[in-house]
Amino acid sequence: MSKGIKILIVEDDENLRFLVVHRLKSEGYEVLENGDGELAVKTILEEKPDIVLLDWMLPGKQGSAVCEEVRQKGFENLIIMMTAKAQDVDKIDAYNFGVSDYVAKPFNMDVLVAMLESKVKFLLNNDRSEIHRFGDMEHHPNIHTLYRNGRKIELTILENRILLYFLRNPNKVINRDELMLVVWGYNSDVNTRTLDMHIVRLRKKIELNPDNPQLLQTVRGIGYRFNAG
């Protein structure tokens, strides 16, 4: 049963690429593959896949450069970076080159499939581009950008994940453990202080007065709640 979703895998490790391609085809995806950064740019622009699974370390052109180039050329679909080291996620943040999300290697195939399923659900339901509006803001998660009265506010990959989870679960009290699992993944050793630090940064971008947050509120002893009004 075909899902009508096209995924491009860009990975130079042939064994891993074979496993991912095989699994995703069995899940009903149309799958393209290549193992080189230069070729990836060409394939993305010509084939316009719905989702790109892009390795961080590539011959020819780094994953980050591939991402940046296709974004500059107008590609707006999902790009998920595959990274071997969790700390690389902070580098992904720093350059802000338009990664939609990331998955840390080594990943469990079931976890990868579940992540893609959740993305695809939104792709299919929201005519391919999920946009959330709240207050005087618009959130475009695929390009992790906020717009306030037309002004663009860039989000890091982690801020984007946190905000998206709150926007998909409005007015619900979300405990810190649940949020950390969603944002950093099942094999992460992140601590609550790191989460709180990202919440503080996110508030600076979405709150009119970050010291007295109206949207992203702390629920003492439990976690947070997004007040969607």
N, C-alpha and C. Protein backbone atom coordinates (compact mmCIF):
# COMPACT_ATOMS: atom_id res chain seq x y z
N MET A 1 0.86 -1.20 0.00
CA MET A 1 0.00 0.00 0.00
C MET A 1 0.89 1.25 0.00
N SER A 2 0.84 2.02 -1.07
CA SER A 2 1.71 3.20 -1.15
C SER A 2 1.11 4.37 -0.38
N LYS A 3 1.98 5.10 0.30
CA LYS A 3 1.52 6.27 1.06
C LYS A 3 1.50 7.52 0.18
N GLY A 4 2.12 7.43 -1.00
CA GLY A 4 2.20 8.61 -1.86
C GLY A 4 3.15 9.67 -1.31
N ILE A 5 4.10 9.21 -0.51
CA ILE A 5 5.10 10.13 0.09
C ILE A 5 6.48 9.72 -0.41
N LYS A 6 7.22 10.70 -0.91
CA LYS A 6 8.55 10.42 -1.46
C LYS A 6 9.63 10.86 -0.46
N ILE A 7 10.49 9.92 -0.11
CA ILE A 7 11.58 10.21 0.83
C ILE A 7 12.92 9.98 0.15
N LEU A 8 13.83 10.93 0.30
CA LEU A 8 15.20 10.77 -0.19
C LEU A 8 16.12 10.50 0.99
N ILE A 9 16.90 9.42 0.91
CA ILE A 9 17.90 9.12 1.95
C ILE A 9 19.27 9.48 1.40
N VAL A 10 19.96 10.37 2.10
CA VAL A 10 21.32 10.72 1.70
C VAL A 10 22.26 10.24 2.81
N GLU A 11 22.94 9.14 2.54
CA GLU A 11 23.77 8.49 3.57
C GLU A 11 24.90 7.75 2.87
N ASP A 12 26.17 8.00 3.28
CA ASP A 12 27.29 7.36 2.57
C ASP A 12 27.63 5.98 3.12
N ASP A 13 27.09 5.60 4.26
CA ASP A 13 27.30 4.25 4.78
C ASP A 13 26.30 3.32 4.06
N GLU A 14 26.84 2.50 3.16
CA GLU A 14 25.96 1.71 2.28
C GLU A 14 25.09 0.72 3.05
N ASN A 15 25.64 0.13 4.11
CA ASN A 15 24.87 -0.85 4.89
C ASN A 15 23.67 -0.19 5.55
N LEU A 16 23.94 0.95 6.20
CA LEU A 16 22.85 1.66 6.88
C LEU A 16 21.81 2.12 5.85
N ARG A 17 22.31 2.64 4.73
CA ARG A 17 21.39 3.14 3.70
C ARG A 17 20.49 2.00 3.19
N PHE A 18 21.09 0.86 2.96
CA PHE A 18 20.33 -0.31 2.49
C PHE A 18 19.22 -0.66 3.49
N LEU A 19 19.58 -0.69 4.77
CA LEU A 19 18.60 -1.06 5.81
C LEU A 19 17.44 -0.06 5.87
N VAL A 20 17.79 1.24 5.83
CA VAL A 20 16.75 2.27 5.91
C VAL A 20 15.85 2.22 4.68
N VAL A 21 16.47 2.11 3.49
CA VAL A 21 15.70 2.07 2.24
C VAL A 21 14.74 0.87 2.26
N HIS A 22 15.27 -0.28 2.63
CA HIS A 22 14.48 -1.51 2.66
C HIS A 22 13.28 -1.37 3.60
N ARG A 23 13.54 -0.84 4.80
CA ARG A 23 12.47 -0.70 5.79
C ARG A 23 11.41 0.30 5.33
N LEU A 24 11.86 1.43 4.79
CA LEU A 24 10.89 2.46 4.40
C LEU A 24 10.06 2.02 3.20
N LYS A 25 10.67 1.26 2.29
CA LYS A 25 9.90 0.73 1.16
C LYS A 25 8.83 -0.24 1.67
N SER A 26 9.21 -1.05 2.67
CA SER A 26 8.24 -2.02 3.22
C SER A 26 7.11 -1.30 3.96
N GLU A 27 7.36 -0.05 4.38
CA GLU A 27 6.32 0.75 5.05
C GLU A 27 5.44 1.50 4.05
N GLY A 28 5.75 1.34 2.75
CA GLY A 28 4.89 1.96 1.73
C GLY A 28 5.35 3.32 1.23
N TYR A 29 6.59 3.70 1.55
CA TYR A 29 7.11 4.98 1.04
C TYR A 29 7.78 4.78 -0.32
N GLU A 30 7.74 5.82 -1.14
CA GLU A 30 8.55 5.84 -2.36
C GLU A 30 9.92 6.34 -1.92
N VAL A 31 10.98 5.58 -2.19
CA VAL A 31 12.28 5.93 -1.62
C VAL A 31 13.32 6.16 -2.72
N LEU A 32 14.02 7.29 -2.59
CA LEU A 32 15.18 7.58 -3.45
C LEU A 32 16.40 7.53 -2.55
N GLU A 33 17.57 7.29 -3.13
CA GLU A 33 18.77 7.24 -2.28
C GLU A 33 19.98 7.76 -3.02
N ASN A 34 20.88 8.40 -2.27
CA ASN A 34 22.24 8.60 -2.76
C ASN A 34 23.20 8.83 -1.60
N GLY A 35 24.49 8.83 -1.90
CA GLY A 35 25.47 8.83 -0.82
C GLY A 35 26.47 9.96 -0.90
N ASP A 36 26.09 11.01 -1.62
CA ASP A 36 27.05 12.08 -1.87
C ASP A 36 26.36 13.44 -1.81
N GLY A 37 27.01 14.40 -1.19
CA GLY A 37 26.39 15.71 -0.97
C GLY A 37 26.06 16.48 -2.24
N GLU A 38 26.99 16.48 -3.19
CA GLU A 38 26.77 17.22 -4.45
C GLU A 38 25.55 16.66 -5.18
N LEU A 39 25.51 15.33 -5.26
CA LEU A 39 24.42 14.65 -5.94
C LEU A 39 23.09 14.90 -5.22
N ALA A 40 23.16 14.97 -3.89
CA ALA A 40 21.95 15.19 -3.09
C ALA A 40 21.27 16.50 -3.47
N VAL A 41 22.06 17.56 -3.65
CA VAL A 41 21.49 18.87 -4.00
C VAL A 41 20.71 18.76 -5.30
N LYS A 42 21.34 18.11 -6.28
CA LYS A 42 20.71 17.94 -7.60
C LYS A 42 19.40 17.13 -7.48
N THR A 43 19.47 16.03 -6.74
CA THR A 43 18.29 15.16 -6.59
C THR A 43 17.15 15.90 -5.88
N ILE A 44 17.48 16.63 -4.81
CA ILE A 44 16.45 17.35 -4.04
C ILE A 44 15.73 18.37 -4.93
N LEU A 45 16.51 19.12 -5.70
CA LEU A 45 15.92 20.18 -6.52
C LEU A 45 15.13 19.60 -7.70
N GLU A 46 15.57 18.45 -8.22
CA GLU A 46 14.87 17.86 -9.37
C GLU A 46 13.65 17.05 -8.94
N GLU A 47 13.81 16.25 -7.88
CA GLU A 47 12.76 15.30 -7.49
C GLU A 47 11.77 15.88 -6.48
N LYS A 48 12.19 16.95 -5.77
CA LYS A 48 11.36 17.58 -4.74
C LYS A 48 10.71 16.56 -3.79
N PRO A 49 11.54 15.76 -3.08
CA PRO A 49 10.96 14.78 -2.15
C PRO A 49 10.19 15.47 -1.02
N ASP A 50 9.21 14.75 -0.45
CA ASP A 50 8.43 15.31 0.67
C ASP A 50 9.30 15.41 1.92
N ILE A 51 10.19 14.41 2.08
CA ILE A 51 11.07 14.36 3.25
C ILE A 51 12.47 13.98 2.79
N VAL A 52 13.47 14.67 3.30
CA VAL A 52 14.87 14.30 3.05
C VAL A 52 15.48 13.84 4.37
N LEU A 53 16.02 12.63 4.38
CA LEU A 53 16.80 12.15 5.52
C LEU A 53 18.25 12.35 5.15
N LEU A 54 18.91 13.27 5.81
CA LEU A 54 20.20 13.76 5.35
C LEU A 54 21.29 13.53 6.40
N ASP A 55 22.33 12.81 6.02
CA ASP A 55 23.42 12.56 6.96
C ASP A 55 24.23 13.84 7.16
N TRP A 56 24.70 14.03 8.39
CA TRP A 56 25.48 15.21 8.75
C TRP A 56 26.87 15.17 8.10
N MET A 57 27.52 13.99 8.12
CA MET A 57 28.86 13.85 7.55
C MET A 57 28.77 13.19 6.19
N LEU A 58 29.11 13.91 5.13
CA LEU A 58 28.99 13.35 3.78
C LEU A 58 30.22 13.68 2.95
N PRO A 59 30.57 12.80 2.00
CA PRO A 59 31.63 13.17 1.06
C PRO A 59 31.08 14.19 0.06
N GLY A 60 31.96 15.02 -0.48
CA GLY A 60 31.54 15.98 -1.52
C GLY A 60 31.03 17.28 -0.96
N LYS A 61 30.09 17.19 -0.04
CA LYS A 61 29.49 18.40 0.54
C LYS A 61 28.83 17.99 1.83
N GLN A 62 29.14 18.69 2.91
CA GLN A 62 28.55 18.36 4.21
C GLN A 62 27.02 18.49 4.18
N GLY A 63 26.36 17.72 5.04
CA GLY A 63 24.91 17.80 5.12
C GLY A 63 24.41 19.21 5.36
N SER A 64 25.13 19.93 6.22
CA SER A 64 24.71 21.31 6.53
C SER A 64 24.73 22.19 5.28
N ALA A 65 25.76 22.01 4.45
CA ALA A 65 25.89 22.81 3.23
C ALA A 65 24.81 22.43 2.21
N VAL A 66 24.49 21.14 2.16
CA VAL A 66 23.43 20.67 1.26
C VAL A 66 22.12 21.36 1.66
N CYS A 67 21.85 21.33 2.94
CA CYS A 67 20.61 21.89 3.47
C CYS A 67 20.52 23.38 3.15
N GLU A 68 21.59 24.08 3.44
CA GLU A 68 21.62 25.52 3.23
C GLU A 68 21.38 25.86 1.75
N GLU A 69 22.05 25.11 0.87
CA GLU A 69 21.95 25.41 -0.57
C GLU A 69 20.53 25.19 -1.10
N VAL A 70 19.90 24.05 -0.70
CA VAL A 70 18.56 23.80 -1.25
C VAL A 70 17.52 24.75 -0.64
N ARG A 71 17.74 25.17 0.60
CA ARG A 71 16.82 26.15 1.20
C ARG A 71 16.92 27.48 0.45
N GLN A 72 18.15 27.88 0.11
CA GLN A 72 18.34 29.14 -0.61
C GLN A 72 17.68 29.08 -1.98
N LYS A 73 17.59 27.85 -2.52
CA LYS A 73 16.99 27.69 -3.85
C LYS A 73 15.49 27.40 -3.76
N GLY A 74 14.92 27.58 -2.58
CA GLY A 74 13.46 27.54 -2.46
C GLY A 74 12.83 26.22 -2.04
N PHE A 75 13.66 25.23 -1.66
CA PHE A 75 13.08 23.95 -1.23
C PHE A 75 12.56 24.10 0.20
N GLU A 76 11.25 23.83 0.39
CA GLU A 76 10.66 24.09 1.72
C GLU A 76 10.16 22.84 2.42
N ASN A 77 10.37 21.66 1.82
CA ASN A 77 9.86 20.44 2.46
C ASN A 77 10.74 20.04 3.64
N LEU A 78 10.33 18.96 4.31
CA LEU A 78 11.03 18.55 5.53
C LEU A 78 12.45 18.04 5.25
N ILE A 79 13.40 18.52 6.03
CA ILE A 79 14.76 17.97 5.99
C ILE A 79 15.11 17.51 7.40
N ILE A 80 15.33 16.20 7.55
CA ILE A 80 15.68 15.64 8.85
C ILE A 80 17.14 15.23 8.82
N MET A 81 17.93 15.82 9.70
CA MET A 81 19.37 15.55 9.74
C MET A 81 19.64 14.31 10.59
N MET A 82 20.45 13.41 10.05
CA MET A 82 20.88 12.24 10.83
C MET A 82 22.28 12.55 11.36
N THR A 83 22.41 12.53 12.68
CA THR A 83 23.70 12.90 13.27
C THR A 83 24.17 11.84 14.24
N ALA A 84 25.47 11.55 14.20
CA ALA A 84 26.02 10.47 15.03
C ALA A 84 26.23 10.91 16.47
N LYS A 85 26.39 12.20 16.69
CA LYS A 85 26.69 12.67 18.04
C LYS A 85 25.61 13.64 18.49
N ALA A 86 25.10 13.37 19.68
CA ALA A 86 24.04 14.24 20.20
C ALA A 86 24.50 15.70 20.28
N GLN A 87 25.81 15.89 20.59
CA GLN A 87 26.27 17.28 20.74
C GLN A 87 26.27 18.04 19.41
N ASP A 88 26.22 17.31 18.29
CA ASP A 88 26.14 17.99 17.00
C ASP A 88 24.84 18.76 16.85
N VAL A 89 23.83 18.37 17.63
CA VAL A 89 22.55 19.07 17.54
C VAL A 89 22.75 20.55 17.84
N ASP A 90 23.64 20.86 18.78
CA ASP A 90 23.88 22.27 19.08
C ASP A 90 24.55 22.98 17.92
N LYS A 91 25.38 22.25 17.15
CA LYS A 91 25.97 22.86 15.96
C LYS A 91 24.88 23.10 14.92
N ILE A 92 23.94 22.15 14.85
CA ILE A 92 22.83 22.32 13.90
C ILE A 92 22.09 23.61 14.25
N ASP A 93 21.89 23.83 15.57
CA ASP A 93 21.26 25.08 16.02
C ASP A 93 22.05 26.28 15.57
N ALA A 94 23.34 26.22 15.82
CA ALA A 94 24.17 27.42 15.69
C ALA A 94 24.13 27.97 14.27
N TYR A 95 24.09 27.10 13.31
CA TYR A 95 24.16 27.61 11.94
C TYR A 95 22.81 27.94 11.35
N ASN A 96 21.77 27.44 11.99
CA ASN A 96 20.43 27.79 11.53
C ASN A 96 20.25 27.68 10.03
N PHE A 97 20.70 26.56 9.47
CA PHE A 97 20.63 26.50 8.01
C PHE A 97 19.39 25.80 7.49
N GLY A 98 18.37 25.69 8.33
CA GLY A 98 17.09 25.25 7.78
C GLY A 98 16.77 23.79 7.91
N VAL A 99 17.38 23.11 8.91
CA VAL A 99 17.00 21.72 9.16
C VAL A 99 15.65 21.72 9.87
N SER A 100 14.74 20.84 9.46
CA SER A 100 13.42 20.80 10.11
C SER A 100 13.49 20.04 11.42
N ASP A 101 14.33 19.00 11.47
CA ASP A 101 14.39 18.16 12.66
C ASP A 101 15.64 17.30 12.56
N TYR A 102 15.85 16.46 13.57
CA TYR A 102 17.03 15.60 13.52
C TYR A 102 16.72 14.26 14.16
N VAL A 103 17.53 13.27 13.83
CA VAL A 103 17.46 11.98 14.51
C VAL A 103 18.90 11.57 14.82
N ALA A 104 19.13 11.12 16.06
CA ALA A 104 20.50 10.79 16.48
C ALA A 104 20.82 9.33 16.14
N LYS A 105 22.01 9.12 15.58
CA LYS A 105 22.47 7.75 15.29
C LYS A 105 23.27 7.23 16.47
N PRO A 106 23.28 5.93 16.77
CA PRO A 106 22.52 4.92 16.05
C PRO A 106 21.05 5.00 16.46
N PHE A 107 20.16 4.91 15.48
CA PHE A 107 18.74 4.97 15.82
C PHE A 107 18.10 3.60 15.63
N ASN A 108 17.06 3.39 16.38
CA ASN A 108 16.27 2.19 16.27
C ASN A 108 15.31 2.41 15.09
N MET A 109 15.23 1.44 14.19
CA MET A 109 14.39 1.60 12.99
C MET A 109 12.94 1.91 13.33
N ASP A 110 12.43 1.28 14.39
CA ASP A 110 11.04 1.52 14.79
C ASP A 110 10.84 2.97 15.22
N VAL A 111 11.86 3.52 15.88
CA VAL A 111 11.79 4.92 16.32
C VAL A 111 11.80 5.85 15.11
N LEU A 112 12.67 5.53 14.14
CA LEU A 112 12.72 6.34 12.91
C LEU A 112 11.37 6.30 12.19
N VAL A 113 10.82 5.11 12.05
CA VAL A 113 9.54 4.95 11.35
C VAL A 113 8.43 5.71 12.08
N ALA A 114 8.42 5.60 13.41
CA ALA A 114 7.39 6.31 14.20
C ALA A 114 7.50 7.82 14.01
N MET A 115 8.75 8.31 13.98
CA MET A 115 8.97 9.75 13.80
C MET A 115 8.45 10.17 12.42
N LEU A 116 8.77 9.39 11.40
CA LEU A 116 8.31 9.73 10.05
C LEU A 116 6.79 9.65 9.95
N GLU A 117 6.20 8.64 10.60
CA GLU A 117 4.74 8.50 10.58
C GLU A 117 4.07 9.77 11.13
N SER A 118 4.62 10.28 12.23
CA SER A 118 3.99 11.46 12.84
C SER A 118 4.14 12.67 11.92
N LYS A 119 5.28 12.76 11.23
CA LYS A 119 5.48 13.88 10.29
C LYS A 119 4.51 13.75 9.11
N VAL A 120 4.37 12.52 8.62
CA VAL A 120 3.55 12.28 7.43
C VAL A 120 2.09 12.58 7.72
N LYS A 121 1.67 12.25 8.94
CA LYS A 121 0.29 12.52 9.34
C LYS A 121 -0.01 14.01 9.17
N PHE A 122 0.94 14.83 9.59
CA PHE A 122 0.73 16.28 9.47
C PHE A 122 0.88 16.75 8.02
N LEU A 123 1.79 16.11 7.28
CA LEU A 123 1.93 16.46 5.86
C LEU A 123 0.61 16.22 5.12
N LEU A 124 -0.01 15.08 5.41
CA LEU A 124 -1.23 14.71 4.69
C LEU A 124 -2.43 15.52 5.16
N ASN A 125 -2.45 15.84 6.46
CA ASN A 125 -3.62 16.54 7.01
C ASN A 125 -3.62 18.03 6.73
N ASN A 126 -2.44 18.59 6.62
CA ASN A 126 -2.38 20.06 6.54
C ASN A 126 -1.86 20.53 5.20
N ASP A 127 -2.42 19.98 4.16
CA ASP A 127 -1.96 20.25 2.81
C ASP A 127 -0.48 20.65 2.78
N ARG A 128 0.30 19.77 3.33
CA ARG A 128 1.75 19.76 3.23
C ARG A 128 2.48 20.87 3.98
N SER A 129 1.73 21.77 4.60
CA SER A 129 2.51 22.73 5.36
C SER A 129 1.74 23.12 6.61
N GLU A 130 2.30 22.71 7.73
CA GLU A 130 1.65 22.92 9.02
C GLU A 130 1.97 24.34 9.51
N ILE A 131 0.93 25.11 9.78
CA ILE A 131 1.14 26.47 10.31
C ILE A 131 0.25 26.64 11.53
N HIS A 132 0.83 27.15 12.60
CA HIS A 132 0.04 27.41 13.81
C HIS A 132 -0.02 28.91 14.05
N ARG A 133 -1.19 29.41 14.39
CA ARG A 133 -1.32 30.83 14.72
C ARG A 133 -1.69 30.98 16.18
N PHE A 134 -1.02 31.89 16.87
CA PHE A 134 -1.38 32.19 18.26
C PHE A 134 -0.99 33.63 18.53
N GLY A 135 -1.84 34.33 19.29
CA GLY A 135 -1.58 35.75 19.56
C GLY A 135 -1.38 36.48 18.23
N ASP A 136 -0.28 37.25 18.15
CA ASP A 136 0.00 37.95 16.89
C ASP A 136 1.11 37.21 16.12
N MET A 137 1.19 35.89 16.32
CA MET A 137 2.28 35.11 15.74
C MET A 137 1.80 33.99 14.85
N GLU A 138 2.71 33.61 13.96
CA GLU A 138 2.50 32.45 13.10
C GLU A 138 3.74 31.58 13.20
N HIS A 139 3.56 30.28 13.42
CA HIS A 139 4.71 29.36 13.52
C HIS A 139 4.71 28.46 12.29
N HIS A 140 5.83 28.47 11.57
CA HIS A 140 6.02 27.59 10.40
C HIS A 140 7.09 26.57 10.76
N PRO A 141 6.68 25.40 11.30
CA PRO A 141 7.67 24.48 11.84
C PRO A 141 8.64 23.89 10.81
N ASN A 142 8.19 23.72 9.55
CA ASN A 142 9.09 23.12 8.56
C ASN A 142 10.34 23.95 8.32
N ILE A 143 10.20 25.27 8.46
CA ILE A 143 11.38 26.12 8.25
C ILE A 143 11.78 26.79 9.57
N HIS A 144 11.43 26.15 10.67
CA HIS A 144 11.50 26.65 12.04
C HIS A 144 11.64 28.16 12.16
N THR A 145 10.52 28.78 11.79
CA THR A 145 10.46 30.24 11.81
C THR A 145 9.15 30.69 12.43
N LEU A 146 9.25 31.77 13.18
CA LEU A 146 8.07 32.45 13.72
C LEU A 146 7.92 33.77 12.99
N TYR A 147 6.69 34.16 12.74
CA TYR A 147 6.46 35.50 12.20
C TYR A 147 5.60 36.26 13.19
N ARG A 148 6.06 37.43 13.58
CA ARG A 148 5.24 38.32 14.42
C ARG A 148 4.98 39.58 13.61
N ASN A 149 3.71 39.81 13.26
CA ASN A 149 3.36 40.96 12.43
C ASN A 149 4.26 41.06 11.20
N GLY A 150 4.51 39.90 10.58
CA GLY A 150 5.32 39.90 9.36
C GLY A 150 6.82 39.86 9.59
N ARG A 151 7.26 40.07 10.85
CA ARG A 151 8.71 40.06 11.13
C ARG A 151 9.15 38.64 11.46
N LYS A 152 10.27 38.25 10.89
CA LYS A 152 10.74 36.87 11.01
C LYS A 152 11.58 36.68 12.28
N ILE A 153 11.27 35.63 13.04
CA ILE A 153 12.06 35.30 14.24
C ILE A 153 12.54 33.86 14.07
N GLU A 154 13.84 33.66 14.00
CA GLU A 154 14.36 32.30 13.77
C GLU A 154 14.36 31.49 15.06
N LEU A 155 14.03 30.22 14.95
CA LEU A 155 14.07 29.31 16.09
C LEU A 155 15.16 28.27 15.86
N THR A 156 15.81 27.85 16.93
CA THR A 156 16.74 26.72 16.80
C THR A 156 15.91 25.44 16.67
N ILE A 157 16.57 24.38 16.29
CA ILE A 157 15.88 23.10 16.07
C ILE A 157 15.18 22.62 17.35
N LEU A 158 15.82 22.85 18.50
CA LEU A 158 15.23 22.39 19.77
C LEU A 158 14.08 23.30 20.20
N GLU A 159 14.25 24.61 20.04
CA GLU A 159 13.14 25.53 20.34
C GLU A 159 11.93 25.20 19.46
N ASN A 160 12.22 24.88 18.21
CA ASN A 160 11.16 24.55 17.26
C ASN A 160 10.38 23.32 17.73
N ARG A 161 11.13 22.29 18.15
CA ARG A 161 10.50 21.05 18.62
C ARG A 161 9.64 21.30 19.86
N ILE A 162 10.18 22.09 20.78
CA ILE A 162 9.46 22.38 22.04
C ILE A 162 8.17 23.14 21.72
N LEU A 163 8.29 24.21 20.94
CA LEU A 163 7.12 25.03 20.63
C LEU A 163 6.06 24.22 19.87
N LEU A 164 6.51 23.40 18.92
CA LEU A 164 5.57 22.61 18.13
C LEU A 164 4.79 21.65 19.02
N TYR A 165 5.48 21.05 19.98
CA TYR A 165 4.80 20.11 20.87
C TYR A 165 3.73 20.82 21.70
N PHE A 166 4.08 22.02 22.18
CA PHE A 166 3.09 22.79 22.95
C PHE A 166 1.90 23.18 22.07
N LEU A 167 2.18 23.60 20.84
CA LEU A 167 1.11 24.05 19.95
C LEU A 167 0.19 22.90 19.54
N ARG A 168 0.75 21.68 19.51
CA ARG A 168 -0.07 20.51 19.18
C ARG A 168 -0.84 20.02 20.41
N ASN A 169 -0.43 20.50 21.58
CA ASN A 169 -1.10 20.09 22.84
C ASN A 169 -1.49 21.31 23.65
N PRO A 170 -2.33 22.18 23.08
CA PRO A 170 -2.64 23.45 23.76
C PRO A 170 -3.37 23.22 25.08
N ASN A 171 -3.06 24.07 26.06
CA ASN A 171 -3.74 24.10 27.37
C ASN A 171 -3.56 22.81 28.18
N LYS A 172 -2.62 21.95 27.74
CA LYS A 172 -2.42 20.69 28.47
C LYS A 172 -1.16 20.84 29.33
N VAL A 173 -1.24 20.37 30.57
CA VAL A 173 -0.05 20.40 31.43
C VAL A 173 0.88 19.27 30.98
N ILE A 174 2.10 19.65 30.61
CA ILE A 174 3.06 18.66 30.10
C ILE A 174 4.22 18.57 31.07
N ASN A 175 4.47 17.36 31.58
CA ASN A 175 5.56 17.26 32.55
C ASN A 175 6.91 17.25 31.85
N ARG A 176 7.93 17.58 32.63
CA ARG A 176 9.27 17.76 32.05
C ARG A 176 9.78 16.49 31.38
N ASP A 177 9.51 15.33 31.99
CA ASP A 177 10.02 14.07 31.41
C ASP A 177 9.43 13.81 30.03
N GLU A 178 8.14 14.06 29.91
CA GLU A 178 7.48 13.86 28.62
C GLU A 178 8.08 14.78 27.56
N LEU A 179 8.29 16.03 27.95
CA LEU A 179 8.82 17.02 27.03
C LEU A 179 10.25 16.66 26.61
N MET A 180 11.05 16.18 27.57
CA MET A 180 12.44 15.83 27.24
C MET A 180 12.49 14.64 26.30
N LEU A 181 11.58 13.69 26.50
CA LEU A 181 11.54 12.52 25.63
C LEU A 181 11.17 12.93 24.20
N VAL A 182 10.20 13.82 24.09
CA VAL A 182 9.75 14.26 22.77
C VAL A 182 10.83 15.08 22.06
N VAL A 183 11.50 15.92 22.83
CA VAL A 183 12.44 16.86 22.22
C VAL A 183 13.79 16.22 21.94
N TRP A 184 14.32 15.49 22.91
CA TRP A 184 15.67 14.94 22.74
C TRP A 184 15.71 13.48 22.34
N GLY A 185 14.59 12.78 22.48
CA GLY A 185 14.56 11.39 22.04
C GLY A 185 14.80 10.40 23.15
N TYR A 186 14.58 9.14 22.82
CA TYR A 186 14.51 8.10 23.85
C TYR A 186 15.86 7.76 24.47
N ASN A 187 16.97 8.03 23.75
CA ASN A 187 18.27 7.59 24.28
C ASN A 187 19.08 8.77 24.80
N SER A 188 18.37 9.79 25.25
CA SER A 188 19.08 11.01 25.62
C SER A 188 19.37 11.06 27.11
N ASP A 189 20.46 11.71 27.47
CA ASP A 189 20.78 11.83 28.90
C ASP A 189 20.71 13.30 29.32
N VAL A 190 19.83 14.04 28.68
CA VAL A 190 19.70 15.47 28.97
C VAL A 190 19.07 15.65 30.37
N ASN A 191 19.41 16.75 31.02
CA ASN A 191 18.81 16.97 32.35
C ASN A 191 17.78 18.11 32.30
N THR A 192 17.01 18.22 33.38
CA THR A 192 15.90 19.19 33.37
C THR A 192 16.42 20.63 33.29
N ARG A 193 17.64 20.85 33.78
CA ARG A 193 18.18 22.21 33.73
C ARG A 193 18.36 22.66 32.27
N THR A 194 18.80 21.72 31.43
CA THR A 194 18.97 22.03 30.00
C THR A 194 17.62 22.39 29.38
N LEU A 195 16.60 21.61 29.73
CA LEU A 195 15.26 21.89 29.22
C LEU A 195 14.81 23.29 29.66
N ASP A 196 14.97 23.58 30.94
CA ASP A 196 14.52 24.88 31.46
C ASP A 196 15.23 26.03 30.76
N MET A 197 16.51 25.81 30.42
CA MET A 197 17.28 26.85 29.74
C MET A 197 16.69 27.12 28.34
N HIS A 198 16.29 26.04 27.66
CA HIS A 198 15.69 26.22 26.32
C HIS A 198 14.32 26.90 26.43
N ILE A 199 13.59 26.61 27.50
CA ILE A 199 12.28 27.26 27.72
C ILE A 199 12.49 28.77 27.90
N VAL A 200 13.51 29.12 28.67
CA VAL A 200 13.82 30.54 28.91
C VAL A 200 14.11 31.24 27.58
N ARG A 201 14.94 30.57 26.74
CA ARG A 201 15.27 31.17 25.43
C ARG A 201 14.04 31.32 24.54
N LEU A 202 13.19 30.30 24.59
CA LEU A 202 11.98 30.33 23.76
C LEU A 202 11.05 31.46 24.22
N ARG A 203 10.95 31.63 25.53
CA ARG A 203 10.08 32.71 26.05
C ARG A 203 10.55 34.07 25.56
N LYS A 204 11.87 34.23 25.45
CA LYS A 204 12.39 35.53 24.98
C LYS A 204 11.92 35.82 23.57
N LYS A 205 11.60 34.76 22.82
CA LYS A 205 11.19 34.95 21.43
C LYS A 205 9.68 35.08 21.27
N ILE A 206 8.92 34.49 22.20
CA ILE A 206 7.46 34.50 21.98
C ILE A 206 6.68 35.38 22.96
N GLU A 207 7.27 35.68 24.11
CA GLU A 207 6.53 36.44 25.13
C GLU A 207 6.79 37.94 24.99
N LEU A 208 5.76 38.74 25.23
CA LEU A 208 5.95 40.19 25.23
C LEU A 208 6.78 40.59 26.45
N ASN A 209 6.54 39.90 27.58
CA ASN A 209 7.36 40.11 28.78
C ASN A 209 7.81 38.74 29.30
N PRO A 210 9.02 38.29 28.91
CA PRO A 210 9.48 36.94 29.26
C PRO A 210 9.52 36.68 30.77
N ASP A 211 9.66 37.76 31.57
CA ASP A 211 9.71 37.57 33.03
C ASP A 211 8.32 37.30 33.62
N ASN A 212 7.30 37.63 32.83
CA ASN A 212 5.93 37.38 33.28
C ASN A 212 5.18 36.68 32.13
N PRO A 213 5.55 35.40 31.86
CA PRO A 213 5.03 34.74 30.66
C PRO A 213 3.52 34.51 30.69
N GLN A 214 2.88 34.88 29.60
CA GLN A 214 1.43 34.69 29.47
C GLN A 214 1.10 33.44 28.65
N LEU A 215 2.02 33.07 27.76
CA LEU A 215 1.76 31.94 26.86
C LEU A 215 2.32 30.64 27.43
N LEU A 216 3.63 30.64 27.65
CA LEU A 216 4.31 29.42 28.08
C LEU A 216 4.52 29.49 29.59
N GLN A 217 3.59 28.87 30.33
CA GLN A 217 3.56 29.05 31.78
C GLN A 217 4.13 27.84 32.51
N THR A 218 4.81 28.13 33.62
CA THR A 218 5.35 27.06 34.46
C THR A 218 4.26 26.53 35.37
N VAL A 219 4.17 25.22 35.46
CA VAL A 219 3.26 24.60 36.43
C VAL A 219 4.15 24.01 37.52
N ARG A 220 4.16 24.64 38.66
CA ARG A 220 5.14 24.30 39.70
C ARG A 220 5.17 22.82 40.03
N GLY A 221 6.38 22.28 40.09
CA GLY A 221 6.56 20.88 40.48
C GLY A 221 6.19 19.86 39.42
N ILE A 222 5.64 20.33 38.29
CA ILE A 222 5.23 19.37 37.26
C ILE A 222 5.94 19.64 35.94
N GLY A 223 5.72 20.83 35.39
CA GLY A 223 6.30 21.10 34.08
C GLY A 223 5.76 22.41 33.53
N TYR A 224 5.15 22.34 32.36
CA TYR A 224 4.73 23.56 31.67
C TYR A 224 3.36 23.37 31.02
N ARG A 225 2.76 24.51 30.69
CA ARG A 225 1.49 24.50 29.99
C ARG A 225 1.49 25.65 29.01
N PHE A 226 1.03 25.39 27.78
CA PHE A 226 0.95 26.45 26.78
C PHE A 226 -0.47 26.98 26.77
N ASN A 227 -0.59 28.25 27.13
CA ASN A 227 -1.90 28.88 27.25
C ASN A 227 -2.33 29.41 25.89
N ALA A 228 -3.14 28.62 25.18
CA ALA A 228 -3.50 28.98 23.80
C ALA A 228 -4.63 30.01 23.74
N GLY A 229 -5.19 30.33 24.89
CA GLY A 229 -6.23 31.37 24.95
C GLY A 229 -7.57 30.87 24.44
